[in-house]
Amino acid sequence: MRIPRALFDELVAHAREDAPNECCGMVGHADGAARALRRVENSAHSPLKFQMDAKEQYDALTALEDEGLEVAMYHSHTRSAPAPSQTDVNFAKLWPGMLWLIVGVAGDEPEVRGWWIEDGQVREAELEIG
């Protein structure tokens, strides 16, 4: 997936604003490119996990689908690399076939990485920023 620089900057801004807690939300995409971002409140208010507010999650998903976009989920890691934790792998079981974007802001340079998580198996998705 290609992530335009402006949308990458939005993802990073959301992660930094919510730090030290994880942020979460959805990215709408089509034709191999990210096109829209919808923030969702992390109702867990935790640096170790995210839990999307149910109403905001529904509203974001509905809005993106109404725009004819496919949906990817995103969240941040504020203390570790942007790779799926066991908690992430367990949570992904609820959303088979979903692309997961993880925004890493623990280091000096922010990083966004994509992941396919199916049946407990994790493989990295190719992302292009810019």
C-alpha atoms as a PDB file:
ATOM      1  CA  MET A   1       0.000   0.000   0.000  1.00  0.00           C
ATOM      2  CA  ARG A   2       1.184   3.506  -0.770  1.00  0.00           C
ATOM      3  CA  ILE A   3       0.713   5.966   2.087  1.00  0.00           C
ATOM      4  CA  PRO A   4       0.885   9.612   0.991  1.00  0.00           C
ATOM      5  CA  ARG A   5       3.239  11.735   3.103  1.00  0.00           C
ATOM      6  CA  ALA A   6       0.348  13.843   4.470  1.00  0.00           C
ATOM      7  CA  LEU A   7      -1.478  10.746   5.731  1.00  0.00           C
ATOM      8  CA  PHE A   8       1.769   9.340   7.188  1.00  0.00           C
ATOM      9  CA  ASP A   9       2.216  12.653   9.033  1.00  0.00           C
ATOM     10  CA  GLU A  10      -1.370  12.388  10.345  1.00  0.00           C
ATOM     11  CA  LEU A  11      -0.717   8.874  11.676  1.00  0.00           C
ATOM     12  CA  VAL A  12       2.451  10.019  13.429  1.00  0.00           C
ATOM     13  CA  ALA A  13       0.749  13.129  14.837  1.00  0.00           C
ATOM     14  CA  HIS A  14      -2.059  11.005  16.295  1.00  0.00           C
ATOM     15  CA  ALA A  15       0.459   8.616  17.898  1.00  0.00           C
ATOM     16  CA  ARG A  16       2.437  11.470  19.414  1.00  0.00           C
ATOM     17  CA  GLU A  17      -0.659  13.316  20.664  1.00  0.00           C
ATOM     18  CA  ASP A  18      -1.982  10.237  22.472  1.00  0.00           C
ATOM     19  CA  ALA A  19       1.404   9.163  23.893  1.00  0.00           C
ATOM     20  CA  PRO A  20       2.234   7.667  26.246  1.00  0.00           C
ATOM     21  CA  ASN A  21      -1.003   5.763  25.500  1.00  0.00           C
ATOM     22  CA  GLU A  22      -1.511   3.869  22.271  1.00  0.00           C
ATOM     23  CA  CYS A  23      -3.689   5.550  19.676  1.00  0.00           C
ATOM     24  CA  CYS A  24      -5.981   3.707  17.273  1.00  0.00           C
ATOM     25  CA  GLY A  25      -8.135   4.220  14.242  1.00  0.00           C
ATOM     26  CA  MET A  26      -8.787   3.188  10.654  1.00  0.00           C
ATOM     27  CA  VAL A  27      -7.342   4.011   7.276  1.00  0.00           C
ATOM     28  CA  GLY A  28      -9.485   3.820   4.165  1.00  0.00           C
ATOM     29  CA  HIS A  29      -7.724   2.652   1.034  1.00  0.00           C
ATOM     30  CA  ALA A  30      -8.423   1.800  -2.594  1.00  0.00           C
ATOM     31  CA  ASP A  31      -6.369   0.826  -5.619  1.00  0.00           C
ATOM     32  CA  GLY A  32      -3.295   0.240  -3.485  1.00  0.00           C
ATOM     33  CA  ALA A  33      -3.273   3.693  -1.886  1.00  0.00           C
ATOM     34  CA  ALA A  34      -4.343   5.023   1.506  1.00  0.00           C
ATOM     35  CA  ARG A  35      -6.889   7.798   1.064  1.00  0.00           C
ATOM     36  CA  ALA A  36      -8.489   8.671   4.404  1.00  0.00           C
ATOM     37  CA  LEU A  37      -7.840   8.400   8.123  1.00  0.00           C
ATOM     38  CA  ARG A  38     -10.419   8.161  10.881  1.00  0.00           C
ATOM     39  CA  ARG A  39      -9.252   8.486  14.480  1.00  0.00           C
ATOM     40  CA  VAL A  40     -10.982   6.343  17.090  1.00  0.00           C
ATOM     41  CA  GLU A  41     -10.627   6.839  20.829  1.00  0.00           C
ATOM     42  CA  ASN A  42      -8.603   4.236  22.691  1.00  0.00           C
ATOM     43  CA  SER A  43     -11.067   3.589  25.491  1.00  0.00           C
ATOM     44  CA  ALA A  44      -8.427   1.515  27.323  1.00  0.00           C
ATOM     45  CA  HIS A  45      -6.293   4.671  27.744  1.00  0.00           C
ATOM     46  CA  SER A  46      -3.245   2.431  28.014  1.00  0.00           C
ATOM     47  CA  PRO A  47       0.352   2.443  26.774  1.00  0.00           C
ATOM     48  CA  LEU A  48       0.186  -1.360  26.506  1.00  0.00           C
ATOM     49  CA  LYS A  49      -2.994  -1.984  24.513  1.00  0.00           C
ATOM     50  CA  PHE A  50      -5.759  -0.366  22.570  1.00  0.00           C
ATOM     51  CA  GLN A  51      -9.498  -0.873  22.654  1.00  0.00           C
ATOM     52  CA  MET A  52     -11.515   1.049  20.106  1.00  0.00           C
ATOM     53  CA  ASP A  53     -14.513   2.937  21.447  1.00  0.00           C
ATOM     54  CA  ALA A  54     -17.419   0.902  20.051  1.00  0.00           C
ATOM     55  CA  LYS A  55     -19.508   3.804  18.696  1.00  0.00           C
ATOM     56  CA  GLU A  56     -16.517   5.592  17.176  1.00  0.00           C
ATOM     57  CA  GLN A  57     -15.321   2.326  15.652  1.00  0.00           C
ATOM     58  CA  TYR A  58     -18.725   1.741  14.061  1.00  0.00           C
ATOM     59  CA  ASP A  59     -18.938   5.333  12.796  1.00  0.00           C
ATOM     60  CA  ALA A  60     -15.420   5.218  11.303  1.00  0.00           C
ATOM     61  CA  LEU A  61     -15.984   1.857   9.629  1.00  0.00           C
ATOM     62  CA  THR A  62     -19.347   2.929   8.217  1.00  0.00           C
ATOM     63  CA  ALA A  63     -17.995   6.257   6.919  1.00  0.00           C
ATOM     64  CA  LEU A  64     -15.056   4.623   5.135  1.00  0.00           C
ATOM     65  CA  GLU A  65     -17.213   1.885   3.641  1.00  0.00           C
ATOM     66  CA  ASP A  66     -19.786   4.491   2.522  1.00  0.00           C
ATOM     67  CA  GLU A  67     -16.936   6.184   0.636  1.00  0.00           C
ATOM     68  CA  GLY A  68     -16.305   2.884  -1.155  1.00  0.00           C
ATOM     69  CA  LEU A  69     -12.994   2.296   0.596  1.00  0.00           C
ATOM     70  CA  GLU A  70     -11.462  -0.846   2.026  1.00  0.00           C
ATOM     71  CA  VAL A  71     -10.422  -0.569   5.666  1.00  0.00           C
ATOM     72  CA  ALA A  72      -7.118  -1.102   7.456  1.00  0.00           C
ATOM     73  CA  MET A  73      -6.802  -0.802  11.235  1.00  0.00           C
ATOM     74  CA  TYR A  74      -4.003   1.168  12.853  1.00  0.00           C
ATOM     75  CA  HIS A  75      -2.607   1.669  16.315  1.00  0.00           C
ATOM     76  CA  SER A  76       0.630   2.906  17.815  1.00  0.00           C
ATOM     77  CA  HIS A  77       3.452   1.431  19.801  1.00  0.00           C
ATOM     78  CA  THR A  78       4.881   4.155  21.994  1.00  0.00           C
ATOM     79  CA  ARG A  79       7.436   1.990  23.812  1.00  0.00           C
ATOM     80  CA  SER A  80       8.422  -0.655  21.270  1.00  0.00           C
ATOM     81  CA  ALA A  81       9.054  -1.299  17.594  1.00  0.00           C
ATOM     82  CA  PRO A  82       6.068  -1.226  15.214  1.00  0.00           C
ATOM     83  CA  ALA A  83       5.762  -5.014  15.067  1.00  0.00           C
ATOM     84  CA  PRO A  84       2.760  -7.012  16.273  1.00  0.00           C
ATOM     85  CA  SER A  85       2.777  -8.020  19.926  1.00  0.00           C
ATOM     86  CA  GLN A  86       1.104 -11.212  21.078  1.00  0.00           C
ATOM     87  CA  THR A  87      -1.826  -9.039  22.191  1.00  0.00           C
ATOM     88  CA  ASP A  88      -2.075  -7.669  18.630  1.00  0.00           C
ATOM     89  CA  VAL A  89      -1.960 -11.183  17.158  1.00  0.00           C
ATOM     90  CA  ASN A  90      -4.720 -12.340  19.508  1.00  0.00           C
ATOM     91  CA  PHE A  91      -6.886  -9.298  18.719  1.00  0.00           C
ATOM     92  CA  ALA A  92      -6.429  -9.755  14.959  1.00  0.00           C
ATOM     93  CA  LYS A  93      -8.345 -13.049  15.168  1.00  0.00           C
ATOM     94  CA  LEU A  94     -11.506 -10.933  15.368  1.00  0.00           C
ATOM     95  CA  TRP A  95     -10.715  -9.281  12.010  1.00  0.00           C
ATOM     96  CA  PRO A  96      -9.527 -11.922   9.509  1.00  0.00           C
ATOM     97  CA  GLY A  97      -8.145 -10.522   6.262  1.00  0.00           C
ATOM     98  CA  MET A  98      -7.504  -7.081   7.784  1.00  0.00           C
ATOM     99  CA  LEU A  99      -4.353  -5.084   7.056  1.00  0.00           C
ATOM    100  CA  TRP A 100      -2.838  -3.795  10.308  1.00  0.00           C
ATOM    101  CA  LEU A 101      -0.728  -0.645  10.401  1.00  0.00           C
ATOM    102  CA  ILE A 102       1.427  -0.029  13.442  1.00  0.00           C
ATOM    103  CA  VAL A 103       2.877   3.419  14.074  1.00  0.00           C
ATOM    104  CA  GLY A 104       6.132   3.327  16.006  1.00  0.00           C
ATOM    105  CA  VAL A 105       7.128   6.468  17.875  1.00  0.00           C
ATOM    106  CA  ALA A 106       9.477   4.977  20.478  1.00  0.00           C
ATOM    107  CA  GLY A 107      12.662   5.895  18.601  1.00  0.00           C
ATOM    108  CA  ASP A 108      14.029   9.097  17.152  1.00  0.00           C
ATOM    109  CA  GLU A 109      12.397   8.563  13.762  1.00  0.00           C
ATOM    110  CA  PRO A 110       8.718   7.589  13.506  1.00  0.00           C
ATOM    111  CA  GLU A 111       7.985   4.481  11.493  1.00  0.00           C
ATOM    112  CA  VAL A 112       4.826   2.909  10.057  1.00  0.00           C
ATOM    113  CA  ARG A 113       4.832  -0.768   9.163  1.00  0.00           C
ATOM    114  CA  GLY A 114       2.044  -2.942   7.805  1.00  0.00           C
ATOM    115  CA  TRP A 115       1.142  -6.487   8.759  1.00  0.00           C
ATOM    116  CA  TRP A 116      -1.129  -9.299   7.646  1.00  0.00           C
ATOM    117  CA  ILE A 117      -2.098 -11.453  10.619  1.00  0.00           C
ATOM    118  CA  GLU A 118      -3.998 -14.641   9.751  1.00  0.00           C
ATOM    119  CA  ASP A 119      -4.540 -17.641  12.034  1.00  0.00           C
ATOM    120  CA  GLY A 120      -1.775 -16.468  14.353  1.00  0.00           C
ATOM    121  CA  GLN A 121       0.704 -16.145  11.481  1.00  0.00           C
ATOM    122  CA  VAL A 122       2.304 -12.736  10.900  1.00  0.00           C
ATOM    123  CA  ARG A 123       3.788 -11.494   7.653  1.00  0.00           C
ATOM    124  CA  GLU A 124       4.854  -8.006   6.773  1.00  0.00           C
ATOM    125  CA  ALA A 125       2.930  -6.048   4.152  1.00  0.00           C
ATOM    126  CA  GLU A 126       4.778  -3.873   1.690  1.00  0.00           C
ATOM    127  CA  LEU A 127       4.283  -0.164   2.369  1.00  0.00           C
ATOM    128  CA  GLU A 128       5.512   2.790   0.354  1.00  0.00           C
ATOM    129  CA  ILE A 129       5.565   6.198   2.042  1.00  0.00           C
ATOM    130  CA  GLY A 130       5.321   9.297  -0.120  1.00  0.00           C
END
